[in-house]
Amino acid sequence: KESLSTPTRFEVTLIIDETKYQYGFVHNQSKILAEWLYAGGKTLFTR
């Protein structure tokens, strides 16, 4: 029952052209609740 109102979360860690990226987001059926991207040890954005 708890999971029915809990959002889904996905995240990947990638290496592209010698840069390490960590990207993910959290969502339910209607909205993106959180989103983030880190690259090369720096925060490119969080939402």
All heavy atoms as atom14 arrays in JSON, in Angstrom:
{
  "sequence": "KESLSTPTRFEVTLIIDETKYQYGFVHNQSKILAEWLYAGGKTLFTR",
  "atom14_mask": [
    [1, 1, 1, 1, 1, 1, 1, 1, 1, 0, 0, 0, 0, 0],
    [1, 1, 1, 1, 1, 1, 1, 1, 1, 0, 0, 0, 0, 0],
    [1, 1, 1, 1, 1, 1, 0, 0, 0, 0, 0, 0, 0, 0],
    [1, 1, 1, 1, 1, 1, 1, 1, 0, 0, 0, 0, 0, 0],
    [1, 1, 1, 1, 1, 1, 0, 0, 0, 0, 0, 0, 0, 0],
    [1, 1, 1, 1, 1, 1, 1, 0, 0, 0, 0, 0, 0, 0],
    [1, 1, 1, 1, 1, 1, 1, 0, 0, 0, 0, 0, 0, 0],
    [1, 1, 1, 1, 1, 1, 1, 0, 0, 0, 0, 0, 0, 0],
    [1, 1, 1, 1, 1, 1, 1, 1, 1, 1, 1, 0, 0, 0],
    [1, 1, 1, 1, 1, 1, 1, 1, 1, 1, 1, 0, 0, 0],
    [1, 1, 1, 1, 1, 1, 1, 1, 1, 0, 0, 0, 0, 0],
    [1, 1, 1, 1, 1, 1, 1, 0, 0, 0, 0, 0, 0, 0],
    [1, 1, 1, 1, 1, 1, 1, 0, 0, 0, 0, 0, 0, 0],
    [1, 1, 1, 1, 1, 1, 1, 1, 0, 0, 0, 0, 0, 0],
    [1, 1, 1, 1, 1, 1, 1, 1, 0, 0, 0, 0, 0, 0],
    [1, 1, 1, 1, 1, 1, 1, 1, 0, 0, 0, 0, 0, 0],
    [1, 1, 1, 1, 1, 1, 1, 1, 0, 0, 0, 0, 0, 0],
    [1, 1, 1, 1, 1, 1, 1, 1, 1, 0, 0, 0, 0, 0],
    [1, 1, 1, 1, 1, 1, 1, 0, 0, 0, 0, 0, 0, 0],
    [1, 1, 1, 1, 1, 1, 1, 1, 1, 0, 0, 0, 0, 0],
    [1, 1, 1, 1, 1, 1, 1, 1, 1, 1, 1, 1, 0, 0],
    [1, 1, 1, 1, 1, 1, 1, 1, 1, 0, 0, 0, 0, 0],
    [1, 1, 1, 1, 1, 1, 1, 1, 1, 1, 1, 1, 0, 0],
    [1, 1, 1, 1, 0, 0, 0, 0, 0, 0, 0, 0, 0, 0],
    [1, 1, 1, 1, 1, 1, 1, 1, 1, 1, 1, 0, 0, 0],
    [1, 1, 1, 1, 1, 1, 1, 0, 0, 0, 0, 0, 0, 0],
    [1, 1, 1, 1, 1, 1, 1, 1, 1, 1, 0, 0, 0, 0],
    [1, 1, 1, 1, 1, 1, 1, 1, 0, 0, 0, 0, 0, 0],
    [1, 1, 1, 1, 1, 1, 1, 1, 1, 0, 0, 0, 0, 0],
    [1, 1, 1, 1, 1, 1, 0, 0, 0, 0, 0, 0, 0, 0],
    [1, 1, 1, 1, 1, 1, 1, 1, 1, 0, 0, 0, 0, 0],
    [1, 1, 1, 1, 1, 1, 1, 1, 0, 0, 0, 0, 0, 0],
    [1, 1, 1, 1, 1, 1, 1, 1, 0, 0, 0, 0, 0, 0],
    [1, 1, 1, 1, 1, 0, 0, 0, 0, 0, 0, 0, 0, 0],
    [1, 1, 1, 1, 1, 1, 1, 1, 1, 0, 0, 0, 0, 0],
    [1, 1, 1, 1, 1, 1, 1, 1, 1, 1, 1, 1, 1, 1],
    [1, 1, 1, 1, 1, 1, 1, 1, 0, 0, 0, 0, 0, 0],
    [1, 1, 1, 1, 1, 1, 1, 1, 1, 1, 1, 1, 0, 0],
    [1, 1, 1, 1, 1, 0, 0, 0, 0, 0, 0, 0, 0, 0],
    [1, 1, 1, 1, 0, 0, 0, 0, 0, 0, 0, 0, 0, 0],
    [1, 1, 1, 1, 0, 0, 0, 0, 0, 0, 0, 0, 0, 0],
    [1, 1, 1, 1, 1, 1, 1, 1, 1, 0, 0, 0, 0, 0],
    [1, 1, 1, 1, 1, 1, 1, 0, 0, 0, 0, 0, 0, 0],
    [1, 1, 1, 1, 1, 1, 1, 1, 0, 0, 0, 0, 0, 0],
    [1, 1, 1, 1, 1, 1, 1, 1, 1, 1, 1, 0, 0, 0],
    [1, 1, 1, 1, 1, 1, 1, 0, 0, 0, 0, 0, 0, 0],
    [1, 1, 1, 1, 1, 1, 1, 1, 1, 1, 1, 0, 0, 0]
  ],
  "atom14_positions": [
    [[0.83, -1.21, 0.0], [0.0, 0.0, 0.0], [0.86, 1.26, 0.0], [0.55, 2.24, -0.68], [-0.93, -0.01, 1.22], [-1.91, 1.15, 1.25], [-2.86, 1.02, 2.43], [-3.86, 2.18, 2.44], [-4.81, 2.07, 3.59], [0.0, 0.0, 0.0], [0.0, 0.0, 0.0], [0.0, 0.0, 0.0], [0.0, 0.0, 0.0], [0.0, 0.0, 0.0]],
    [[1.95, 1.21, 0.75], [2.85, 2.36, 0.83], [3.44, 2.71, -0.53], [3.56, 3.88, -0.91], [3.98, 2.06, 1.82], [5.02, 3.18, 1.93], [6.21, 2.77, 2.77], [6.33, 1.57, 3.1], [7.03, 3.64, 3.08], [0.0, 0.0, 0.0], [0.0, 0.0, 0.0], [0.0, 0.0, 0.0], [0.0, 0.0, 0.0], [0.0, 0.0, 0.0]],
    [[3.78, 1.7, -1.32], [4.42, 1.93, -2.62], [3.49, 2.58, -3.62], [3.95, 3.23, -4.56], [4.95, 0.61, -3.18], [5.91, 0.04, -2.33], [0.0, 0.0, 0.0], [0.0, 0.0, 0.0], [0.0, 0.0, 0.0], [0.0, 0.0, 0.0], [0.0, 0.0, 0.0], [0.0, 0.0, 0.0], [0.0, 0.0, 0.0], [0.0, 0.0, 0.0]],
    [[2.18, 2.41, -3.45], [1.23, 2.97, -4.4], [1.26, 4.5, -4.42], [0.85, 5.11, -5.41], [-0.19, 2.48, -4.07], [-0.41, 0.98, -4.16], [-1.84, 0.63, -3.76], [-0.12, 0.47, -5.57], [0.0, 0.0, 0.0], [0.0, 0.0, 0.0], [0.0, 0.0, 0.0], [0.0, 0.0, 0.0], [0.0, 0.0, 0.0], [0.0, 0.0, 0.0]],
    [[1.73, 5.1, -3.33], [1.81, 6.56, -3.27], [3.27, 7.04, -3.2], [3.53, 8.21, -2.92], [1.04, 7.09, -2.06], [1.54, 6.51, -0.86], [0.0, 0.0, 0.0], [0.0, 0.0, 0.0], [0.0, 0.0, 0.0], [0.0, 0.0, 0.0], [0.0, 0.0, 0.0], [0.0, 0.0, 0.0], [0.0, 0.0, 0.0], [0.0, 0.0, 0.0]],
    [[4.2, 6.13, -3.47], [5.63, 6.46, -3.45], [6.11, 6.66, -4.88], [5.74, 5.89, -5.77], [6.44, 5.33, -2.79], [5.98, 5.15, -1.45], [7.92, 5.66, -2.77], [0.0, 0.0, 0.0], [0.0, 0.0, 0.0], [0.0, 0.0, 0.0], [0.0, 0.0, 0.0], [0.0, 0.0, 0.0], [0.0, 0.0, 0.0], [0.0, 0.0, 0.0]],
    [[6.93, 7.68, -5.14], [7.41, 7.9, -6.51], [8.43, 6.86, -6.96], [9.01, 6.14, -6.14], [8.03, 9.3, -6.45], [8.43, 9.47, -5.03], [7.4, 8.74, -4.22], [0.0, 0.0, 0.0], [0.0, 0.0, 0.0], [0.0, 0.0, 0.0], [0.0, 0.0, 0.0], [0.0, 0.0, 0.0], [0.0, 0.0, 0.0], [0.0, 0.0, 0.0]],
    [[8.63, 6.8, -8.24], [9.66, 5.96, -8.85], [10.94, 6.75, -8.98], [10.92, 7.96, -9.26], [9.2, 5.47, -10.24], [8.06, 4.63, -10.08], [10.3, 4.73, -10.97], [0.0, 0.0, 0.0], [0.0, 0.0, 0.0], [0.0, 0.0, 0.0], [0.0, 0.0, 0.0], [0.0, 0.0, 0.0], [0.0, 0.0, 0.0], [0.0, 0.0, 0.0]],
    [[12.07, 6.06, -8.78], [13.38, 6.74, -8.86], [14.3, 5.96, -9.79], [14.43, 4.74, -9.68], [14.02, 6.81, -7.47], [15.36, 7.55, -7.41], [15.91, 7.52, -5.98], [17.09, 8.36, -5.83], [18.33, 7.98, -6.12], [18.55, 6.75, -6.59], [19.35, 8.79, -5.94], [0.0, 0.0, 0.0], [0.0, 0.0, 0.0], [0.0, 0.0, 0.0]],
    [[14.95, 6.68, -10.73], [15.94, 6.1, -11.63], [17.23, 6.91, -11.54], [17.19, 8.14, -11.38], [15.47, 6.14, -13.09], [14.21, 5.37, -13.38], [13.16, 5.96, -14.07], [14.09, 4.05, -12.98], [12.0, 5.24, -14.35], [12.93, 3.32, -13.26], [11.89, 3.92, -13.94], [0.0, 0.0, 0.0], [0.0, 0.0, 0.0], [0.0, 0.0, 0.0]],
    [[18.36, 6.23, -11.69], [19.65, 6.94, -11.74], [20.67, 6.12, -12.52], [20.7, 4.88, -12.41], [20.19, 7.22, -10.33], [21.48, 8.04, -10.34], [21.98, 8.36, -8.94], [22.49, 7.43, -8.27], [21.85, 9.52, -8.51], [0.0, 0.0, 0.0], [0.0, 0.0, 0.0], [0.0, 0.0, 0.0], [0.0, 0.0, 0.0], [0.0, 0.0, 0.0]],
    [[21.49, 6.8, -13.33], [22.59, 6.14, -14.03], [23.88, 6.9, -13.75], [23.87, 8.1, -13.51], [22.38, 6.09, -15.57], [21.26, 5.18, -15.95], [22.2, 7.49, -16.15], [0.0, 0.0, 0.0], [0.0, 0.0, 0.0], [0.0, 0.0, 0.0], [0.0, 0.0, 0.0], [0.0, 0.0, 0.0], [0.0, 0.0, 0.0], [0.0, 0.0, 0.0]],
    [[24.98, 6.15, -13.78], [26.31, 6.74, -13.77], [26.99, 6.32, -15.06], [27.04, 5.13, -15.39], [27.13, 6.26, -12.56], [26.43, 6.59, -11.35], [28.51, 6.91, -12.54], [0.0, 0.0, 0.0], [0.0, 0.0, 0.0], [0.0, 0.0, 0.0], [0.0, 0.0, 0.0], [0.0, 0.0, 0.0], [0.0, 0.0, 0.0], [0.0, 0.0, 0.0]],
    [[27.49, 7.29, -15.8], [28.07, 7.06, -17.12], [29.44, 7.71, -17.21], [29.75, 8.66, -16.49], [27.19, 7.65, -18.21], [25.71, 7.28, -18.23], [24.97, 8.14, -19.26], [25.54, 5.82, -18.55], [0.0, 0.0, 0.0], [0.0, 0.0, 0.0], [0.0, 0.0, 0.0], [0.0, 0.0, 0.0], [0.0, 0.0, 0.0], [0.0, 0.0, 0.0]],
    [[30.26, 7.21, -18.12], [31.5, 7.87, -18.5], [31.42, 8.14, -19.99], [31.29, 7.22, -20.8], [32.74, 7.03, -18.17], [32.85, 6.81, -16.66], [34.01, 7.7, -18.7], [33.97, 5.89, -16.24], [0.0, 0.0, 0.0], [0.0, 0.0, 0.0], [0.0, 0.0, 0.0], [0.0, 0.0, 0.0], [0.0, 0.0, 0.0], [0.0, 0.0, 0.0]],
    [[31.45, 9.42, -20.34], [31.36, 9.86, -21.73], [32.51, 10.81, -22.0], [32.63, 11.86, -21.34], [30.02, 10.55, -22.02], [28.84, 9.65, -21.63], [29.92, 10.95, -23.49], [27.49, 10.36, -21.72], [0.0, 0.0, 0.0], [0.0, 0.0, 0.0], [0.0, 0.0, 0.0], [0.0, 0.0, 0.0], [0.0, 0.0, 0.0], [0.0, 0.0, 0.0]],
    [[33.37, 10.46, -22.95], [34.51, 11.32, -23.32], [35.31, 11.75, -22.1], [35.59, 12.94, -21.9], [34.01, 12.55, -24.09], [33.39, 12.18, -25.43], [33.79, 11.17, -26.01], [32.48, 12.92, -25.87], [0.0, 0.0, 0.0], [0.0, 0.0, 0.0], [0.0, 0.0, 0.0], [0.0, 0.0, 0.0], [0.0, 0.0, 0.0], [0.0, 0.0, 0.0]],
    [[35.64, 10.76, -21.27], [36.49, 10.95, -20.08], [35.83, 11.76, -18.97], [36.49, 12.13, -17.99], [37.84, 11.59, -20.45], [38.7, 10.73, -21.35], [40.12, 11.26, -21.49], [40.48, 12.21, -20.78], [40.87, 10.71, -22.31], [0.0, 0.0, 0.0], [0.0, 0.0, 0.0], [0.0, 0.0, 0.0], [0.0, 0.0, 0.0], [0.0, 0.0, 0.0]],
    [[34.54, 12.02, -19.08], [33.82, 12.73, -18.02], [32.83, 11.78, -17.37], [32.08, 11.07, -18.05], [33.07, 13.96, -18.58], [34.01, 14.87, -19.14], [32.29, 14.66, -17.48], [0.0, 0.0, 0.0], [0.0, 0.0, 0.0], [0.0, 0.0, 0.0], [0.0, 0.0, 0.0], [0.0, 0.0, 0.0], [0.0, 0.0, 0.0], [0.0, 0.0, 0.0]],
    [[32.82, 11.77, -16.04], [31.88, 10.94, -15.29], [30.61, 11.74, -15.02], [30.66, 12.84, -14.45], [32.51, 10.48, -13.98], [31.62, 9.59, -13.13], [32.33, 9.16, -11.85], [31.43, 8.32, -10.96], [32.1, 7.94, -9.69], [0.0, 0.0, 0.0], [0.0, 0.0, 0.0], [0.0, 0.0, 0.0], [0.0, 0.0, 0.0], [0.0, 0.0, 0.0]],
    [[29.48, 11.19, -15.42], [28.17, 11.82, -15.21], [27.33, 10.97, -14.27], [27.35, 9.73, -14.35], [27.41, 11.96, -16.52], [28.02, 12.92, -17.52], [28.91, 12.46, -18.48], [27.67, 14.27, -17.54], [29.46, 13.32, -19.42], [28.21, 15.14, -18.48], [29.11, 14.66, -19.42], [29.65, 15.52, -20.35], [0.0, 0.0, 0.0], [0.0, 0.0, 0.0]],
    [[26.59, 11.62, -13.4], [25.61, 10.95, -12.55], [24.29, 11.68, -12.74], [24.15, 12.85, -12.36], [26.05, 11.0, -11.08], [25.16, 10.22, -10.14], [25.69, 10.26, -8.7], [26.86, 10.57, -8.46], [24.82, 9.96, -7.75], [0.0, 0.0, 0.0], [0.0, 0.0, 0.0], [0.0, 0.0, 0.0], [0.0, 0.0, 0.0], [0.0, 0.0, 0.0]],
    [[23.33, 10.99, -13.35], [22.06, 11.64, -13.68], [20.89, 10.78, -13.2], [20.9, 9.56, -13.33], [21.93, 11.84, -15.19], [20.57, 12.37, -15.6], [20.19, 13.67, -15.29], [19.64, 11.57, -16.27], [18.95, 14.16, -15.63], [18.39, 12.04, -16.62], [18.04, 13.35, -16.3], [16.81, 13.84, -16.62], [0.0, 0.0, 0.0], [0.0, 0.0, 0.0]],
    [[19.88, 11.44, -12.66], [18.7, 10.71, -12.21], [17.51, 11.62, -12.02], [17.61, 12.85, -12.09], [0.0, 0.0, 0.0], [0.0, 0.0, 0.0], [0.0, 0.0, 0.0], [0.0, 0.0, 0.0], [0.0, 0.0, 0.0], [0.0, 0.0, 0.0], [0.0, 0.0, 0.0], [0.0, 0.0, 0.0], [0.0, 0.0, 0.0], [0.0, 0.0, 0.0]],
    [[16.36, 11.0, -11.77], [15.15, 11.77, -11.5], [14.15, 10.91, -10.74], [14.25, 9.67, -10.7], [14.52, 12.32, -12.78], [14.19, 11.3, -13.83], [12.97, 10.63, -13.84], [15.1, 11.01, -14.84], [12.65, 9.7, -14.82], [14.8, 10.08, -15.83], [13.58, 9.42, -15.82], [0.0, 0.0, 0.0], [0.0, 0.0, 0.0], [0.0, 0.0, 0.0]],
    [[13.19, 11.58, -10.11], [12.12, 10.96, -9.34], [10.8, 11.45, -9.92], [10.64, 12.64, -10.21], [12.21, 11.34, -7.85], [11.06, 10.74, -7.06], [13.55, 10.91, -7.26], [0.0, 0.0, 0.0], [0.0, 0.0, 0.0], [0.0, 0.0, 0.0], [0.0, 0.0, 0.0], [0.0, 0.0, 0.0], [0.0, 0.0, 0.0], [0.0, 0.0, 0.0]],
    [[9.83, 10.53, -10.11], [8.57, 10.96, -10.72], [7.4, 10.12, -10.2], [7.57, 8.98, -9.74], [8.65, 10.85, -12.25], [8.53, 9.45, -12.77], [7.33, 8.86, -13.11], [9.47, 8.5, -13.02], [7.54, 7.64, -13.55], [8.83, 7.39, -13.5], [0.0, 0.0, 0.0], [0.0, 0.0, 0.0], [0.0, 0.0, 0.0], [0.0, 0.0, 0.0]],
    [[6.23, 10.7, -10.31], [4.98, 9.94, -10.12], [4.21, 9.99, -11.43], [4.81, 10.23, -12.49], [4.17, 10.46, -8.93], [3.82, 11.94, -9.06], [3.78, 12.49, -10.17], [3.56, 12.59, -7.94], [0.0, 0.0, 0.0], [0.0, 0.0, 0.0], [0.0, 0.0, 0.0], [0.0, 0.0, 0.0], [0.0, 0.0, 0.0], [0.0, 0.0, 0.0]],
    [[2.91, 9.77, -11.4], [2.17, 9.7, -12.66], [1.98, 11.05, -13.33], [1.68, 11.11, -14.54], [0.79, 9.05, -12.45], [-0.17, 9.85, -11.6], [-0.05, 9.51, -10.12], [1.01, 9.09, -9.67], [-1.14, 9.69, -9.4], [0.0, 0.0, 0.0], [0.0, 0.0, 0.0], [0.0, 0.0, 0.0], [0.0, 0.0, 0.0], [0.0, 0.0, 0.0]],
    [[2.18, 12.14, -12.6], [1.87, 13.45, -13.18], [3.02, 14.45, -13.17], [2.99, 15.42, -13.93], [0.68, 14.08, -12.44], [0.98, 14.23, -11.06], [0.0, 0.0, 0.0], [0.0, 0.0, 0.0], [0.0, 0.0, 0.0], [0.0, 0.0, 0.0], [0.0, 0.0, 0.0], [0.0, 0.0, 0.0], [0.0, 0.0, 0.0], [0.0, 0.0, 0.0]],
    [[4.05, 14.21, -12.32], [5.09, 15.23, -12.18], [6.47, 14.62, -12.01], [6.62, 13.52, -11.46], [4.81, 16.12, -10.94], [3.61, 17.01, -11.04], [3.45, 17.85, -9.79], [2.24, 18.78, -9.9], [2.07, 19.6, -8.67], [0.0, 0.0, 0.0], [0.0, 0.0, 0.0], [0.0, 0.0, 0.0], [0.0, 0.0, 0.0], [0.0, 0.0, 0.0]],
    [[7.46, 15.38, -12.44], [8.85, 15.13, -12.06], [9.05, 15.81, -10.7], [8.87, 17.03, -10.57], [9.83, 15.71, -13.09], [9.57, 15.13, -14.49], [11.26, 15.45, -12.65], [9.79, 13.64, -14.6], [0.0, 0.0, 0.0], [0.0, 0.0, 0.0], [0.0, 0.0, 0.0], [0.0, 0.0, 0.0], [0.0, 0.0, 0.0], [0.0, 0.0, 0.0]],
    [[9.39, 15.04, -9.69], [9.51, 15.58, -8.34], [10.93, 16.04, -8.02], [11.12, 16.93, -7.18], [9.07, 14.53, -7.32], [7.65, 13.98, -7.52], [7.36, 12.88, -6.51], [6.62, 15.1, -7.42], [0.0, 0.0, 0.0], [0.0, 0.0, 0.0], [0.0, 0.0, 0.0], [0.0, 0.0, 0.0], [0.0, 0.0, 0.0], [0.0, 0.0, 0.0]],
    [[11.9, 15.43, -8.66], [13.3, 15.82, -8.46], [14.11, 15.37, -9.67], [13.75, 14.38, -10.34], [13.87, 15.21, -7.19], [0.0, 0.0, 0.0], [0.0, 0.0, 0.0], [0.0, 0.0, 0.0], [0.0, 0.0, 0.0], [0.0, 0.0, 0.0], [0.0, 0.0, 0.0], [0.0, 0.0, 0.0], [0.0, 0.0, 0.0], [0.0, 0.0, 0.0]],
    [[15.2, 16.09, -9.94], [16.07, 15.75, -11.07], [17.45, 16.31, -10.77], [17.57, 17.4, -10.18], [15.5, 16.37, -12.35], [16.23, 16.01, -13.62], [15.64, 16.71, -14.86], [14.68, 17.5, -14.7], [16.16, 16.47, -15.96], [0.0, 0.0, 0.0], [0.0, 0.0, 0.0], [0.0, 0.0, 0.0], [0.0, 0.0, 0.0], [0.0, 0.0, 0.0]],
    [[18.5, 15.59, -11.17], [19.85, 16.04, -10.85], [20.85, 15.54, -11.89], [20.65, 14.5, -12.52], [20.27, 15.55, -9.46], [20.21, 14.05, -9.29], [21.21, 13.15, -9.48], [19.06, 13.29, -8.91], [20.78, 11.88, -9.24], [19.46, 11.92, -8.88], [17.74, 13.6, -8.58], [18.59, 10.89, -8.55], [16.87, 12.57, -8.25], [17.3, 11.24, -8.24]],
    [[21.91, 16.32, -12.06], [23.01, 15.92, -12.94], [24.32, 16.46, -12.39], [24.46, 17.67, -12.18], [22.79, 16.45, -14.37], [23.94, 16.18, -15.34], [24.19, 14.69, -15.52], [23.67, 16.84, -16.7], [0.0, 0.0, 0.0], [0.0, 0.0, 0.0], [0.0, 0.0, 0.0], [0.0, 0.0, 0.0], [0.0, 0.0, 0.0], [0.0, 0.0, 0.0]],
    [[25.25, 15.53, -12.14], [26.6, 15.89, -11.71], [27.57, 15.46, -12.8], [27.42, 14.37, -13.4], [26.95, 15.19, -10.39], [25.93, 15.43, -9.3], [24.96, 14.46, -9.0], [25.91, 16.61, -8.58], [24.02, 14.68, -8.01], [24.97, 16.84, -7.58], [24.02, 15.86, -7.3], [23.08, 16.09, -6.33], [0.0, 0.0, 0.0], [0.0, 0.0, 0.0]],
    [[28.55, 16.29, -13.08], [29.52, 16.0, -14.14], [30.91, 16.42, -13.69], [31.11, 17.57, -13.27], [29.14, 16.72, -15.43], [0.0, 0.0, 0.0], [0.0, 0.0, 0.0], [0.0, 0.0, 0.0], [0.0, 0.0, 0.0], [0.0, 0.0, 0.0], [0.0, 0.0, 0.0], [0.0, 0.0, 0.0], [0.0, 0.0, 0.0], [0.0, 0.0, 0.0]],
    [[31.86, 15.49, -13.78], [33.23, 15.8, -13.42], [33.4, 16.3, -12.0], [34.24, 17.16, -11.72], [0.0, 0.0, 0.0], [0.0, 0.0, 0.0], [0.0, 0.0, 0.0], [0.0, 0.0, 0.0], [0.0, 0.0, 0.0], [0.0, 0.0, 0.0], [0.0, 0.0, 0.0], [0.0, 0.0, 0.0], [0.0, 0.0, 0.0], [0.0, 0.0, 0.0]],
    [[32.56, 15.79, -11.08], [32.66, 16.2, -9.68], [31.94, 17.49, -9.36], [31.98, 17.95, -8.21], [0.0, 0.0, 0.0], [0.0, 0.0, 0.0], [0.0, 0.0, 0.0], [0.0, 0.0, 0.0], [0.0, 0.0, 0.0], [0.0, 0.0, 0.0], [0.0, 0.0, 0.0], [0.0, 0.0, 0.0], [0.0, 0.0, 0.0], [0.0, 0.0, 0.0]],
    [[31.27, 18.11, -10.33], [30.55, 19.36, -10.12], [29.05, 19.15, -10.34], [28.64, 18.29, -11.1], [31.06, 20.45, -11.07], [32.51, 20.84, -10.86], [32.91, 21.94, -11.84], [34.36, 22.34, -11.64], [34.77, 23.41, -12.6], [0.0, 0.0, 0.0], [0.0, 0.0, 0.0], [0.0, 0.0, 0.0], [0.0, 0.0, 0.0], [0.0, 0.0, 0.0]],
    [[28.26, 19.99, -9.67], [26.82, 19.96, -9.87], [26.47, 20.81, -11.08], [26.65, 22.03, -11.05], [26.08, 20.5, -8.63], [26.42, 19.72, -7.49], [24.57, 20.47, -8.84], [0.0, 0.0, 0.0], [0.0, 0.0, 0.0], [0.0, 0.0, 0.0], [0.0, 0.0, 0.0], [0.0, 0.0, 0.0], [0.0, 0.0, 0.0], [0.0, 0.0, 0.0]],
    [[25.97, 20.17, -12.15], [25.5, 20.95, -13.28], [24.12, 21.53, -12.99], [23.85, 22.69, -13.27], [25.46, 20.11, -14.55], [26.79, 19.85, -15.25], [26.58, 19.2, -16.6], [27.58, 21.15, -15.43], [0.0, 0.0, 0.0], [0.0, 0.0, 0.0], [0.0, 0.0, 0.0], [0.0, 0.0, 0.0], [0.0, 0.0, 0.0], [0.0, 0.0, 0.0]],
    [[23.23, 20.7, -12.42], [21.97, 21.25, -11.95], [21.28, 20.25, -11.03], [21.5, 19.04, -11.11], [21.03, 21.62, -13.12], [20.35, 20.45, -13.79], [19.16, 19.92, -13.29], [20.91, 19.88, -14.92], [18.55, 18.85, -13.91], [20.29, 18.8, -15.55], [19.11, 18.29, -15.04], [0.0, 0.0, 0.0], [0.0, 0.0, 0.0], [0.0, 0.0, 0.0]],
    [[20.48, 20.81, -10.12], [19.51, 20.01, -9.37], [18.18, 20.74, -9.48], [18.12, 21.97, -9.6], [19.89, 19.85, -7.89], [19.91, 21.14, -7.25], [21.25, 19.18, -7.74], [0.0, 0.0, 0.0], [0.0, 0.0, 0.0], [0.0, 0.0, 0.0], [0.0, 0.0, 0.0], [0.0, 0.0, 0.0], [0.0, 0.0, 0.0], [0.0, 0.0, 0.0]],
    [[17.12, 19.97, -9.44], [15.77, 20.52, -9.56], [14.89, 19.74, -8.6], [14.84, 18.52, -8.64], [15.28, 20.36, -10.99], [13.81, 20.68, -11.24], [13.39, 20.11, -12.58], [12.01, 20.37, -12.93], [11.31, 19.67, -13.81], [11.88, 18.62, -14.41], [10.06, 19.98, -14.08], [0.0, 0.0, 0.0], [0.0, 0.0, 0.0], [0.0, 0.0, 0.0]]
  ]
}
